[in-house]
Amino acid sequence: MMKIGKCFYFHYVIKETLGAVLKENQLIDILKSSKELFL
């Protein structure tokens, strides 16, 4: 039972981390494109 819980926990952490990274990348892309619009 503990093993299954650990697997789910790691999967959740990895998913959350990837989601945060993707959101940051999207923000960076938005900032870059908005900078190009202003310049």
N, C-alpha and C. Protein backbone atom coordinates (compact mmCIF):
# COMPACT_ATOMS: atom_id res chain seq x y z
N MET A 1 0.83 -1.21 0.00
CA MET A 1 0.00 0.00 0.00
C MET A 1 0.87 1.26 0.00
N MET A 2 1.90 1.27 0.82
CA MET A 2 2.78 2.43 0.88
C MET A 2 3.48 2.66 -0.47
N LYS A 3 3.86 1.55 -1.12
CA LYS A 3 4.56 1.65 -2.41
C LYS A 3 3.68 2.37 -3.43
N ILE A 4 2.41 2.00 -3.48
CA ILE A 4 1.48 2.61 -4.43
C ILE A 4 1.33 4.10 -4.12
N GLY A 5 1.22 4.42 -2.83
CA GLY A 5 1.09 5.82 -2.43
C GLY A 5 2.30 6.63 -2.86
N LYS A 6 3.49 6.05 -2.68
CA LYS A 6 4.71 6.74 -3.07
C LYS A 6 4.72 7.00 -4.57
N CYS A 7 4.32 6.00 -5.36
CA CYS A 7 4.30 6.16 -6.82
C CYS A 7 3.36 7.29 -7.22
N PHE A 8 2.18 7.31 -6.61
CA PHE A 8 1.22 8.36 -6.93
C PHE A 8 1.76 9.72 -6.52
N TYR A 9 2.44 9.76 -5.36
CA TYR A 9 2.98 11.02 -4.86
C TYR A 9 4.04 11.56 -5.82
N PHE A 10 4.96 10.68 -6.25
CA PHE A 10 6.02 11.12 -7.16
C PHE A 10 5.41 11.58 -8.49
N HIS A 11 4.43 10.83 -8.96
CA HIS A 11 3.77 11.19 -10.23
C HIS A 11 3.13 12.57 -10.11
N TYR A 12 2.48 12.82 -8.96
CA TYR A 12 1.82 14.10 -8.71
C TYR A 12 2.85 15.23 -8.67
N VAL A 13 3.96 15.01 -7.95
CA VAL A 13 5.00 16.04 -7.83
C VAL A 13 5.59 16.36 -9.19
N ILE A 14 5.88 15.31 -9.97
CA ILE A 14 6.46 15.51 -11.31
C ILE A 14 5.49 16.29 -12.19
N LYS A 15 4.21 15.91 -12.12
CA LYS A 15 3.19 16.58 -12.94
C LYS A 15 3.09 18.06 -12.55
N GLU A 16 3.06 18.33 -11.24
CA GLU A 16 2.96 19.71 -10.77
C GLU A 16 4.18 20.52 -11.19
N THR A 17 5.36 19.90 -11.07
CA THR A 17 6.60 20.60 -11.44
C THR A 17 6.60 20.92 -12.92
N LEU A 18 6.22 19.94 -13.74
CA LEU A 18 6.18 20.16 -15.19
C LEU A 18 5.16 21.25 -15.53
N GLY A 19 4.02 21.22 -14.85
CA GLY A 19 3.00 22.23 -15.09
C GLY A 19 3.50 23.62 -14.77
N ALA A 20 4.22 23.76 -13.65
CA ALA A 20 4.77 25.05 -13.25
C ALA A 20 5.80 25.53 -14.27
N VAL A 21 6.64 24.61 -14.73
CA VAL A 21 7.68 24.96 -15.71
C VAL A 21 7.03 25.41 -17.01
N LEU A 22 6.00 24.68 -17.44
CA LEU A 22 5.33 25.04 -18.69
C LEU A 22 4.67 26.41 -18.57
N LYS A 23 4.06 26.69 -17.40
CA LYS A 23 3.43 27.99 -17.19
C LYS A 23 4.47 29.09 -17.24
N GLU A 24 5.63 28.85 -16.63
CA GLU A 24 6.70 29.85 -16.64
C GLU A 24 7.17 30.10 -18.06
N ASN A 25 7.32 29.02 -18.84
CA ASN A 25 7.75 29.17 -20.23
C ASN A 25 6.72 29.97 -21.02
N GLN A 26 5.44 29.72 -20.75
CA GLN A 26 4.39 30.47 -21.45
C GLN A 26 4.47 31.95 -21.08
N LEU A 27 4.72 32.24 -19.80
CA LEU A 27 4.85 33.63 -19.36
C LEU A 27 6.02 34.30 -20.05
N ILE A 28 7.14 33.57 -20.15
CA ILE A 28 8.33 34.12 -20.80
C ILE A 28 8.02 34.41 -22.27
N ASP A 29 7.33 33.49 -22.92
CA ASP A 29 6.96 33.69 -24.33
C ASP A 29 6.05 34.91 -24.47
N ILE A 30 5.09 35.06 -23.55
CA ILE A 30 4.17 36.20 -23.60
C ILE A 30 4.94 37.50 -23.40
N LEU A 31 5.88 37.49 -22.45
CA LEU A 31 6.68 38.69 -22.20
C LEU A 31 7.52 39.04 -23.42
N LYS A 32 8.11 38.02 -24.04
CA LYS A 32 8.93 38.26 -25.23
C LYS A 32 8.09 38.86 -26.36
N SER A 33 6.92 38.28 -26.60
CA SER A 33 6.09 38.75 -27.70
C SER A 33 5.53 40.14 -27.40
N SER A 34 5.19 40.42 -26.13
CA SER A 34 4.68 41.74 -25.79
C SER A 34 5.79 42.78 -25.89
N LYS A 35 7.03 42.37 -25.57
CA LYS A 35 8.17 43.28 -25.70
C LYS A 35 8.34 43.66 -27.17
N GLU A 36 8.19 42.68 -28.06
CA GLU A 36 8.33 42.94 -29.49
C GLU A 36 7.23 43.88 -29.97
N LEU A 37 6.04 43.76 -29.39
CA LEU A 37 4.94 44.64 -29.78
C LEU A 37 5.22 46.08 -29.37
N PHE A 38 5.81 46.25 -28.19
CA PHE A 38 6.06 47.60 -27.68
C PHE A 38 7.24 48.26 -28.39
N LEU A 39 8.22 47.46 -28.82
CA LEU A 39 9.41 48.05 -29.44
C LEU A 39 9.17 48.39 -30.91
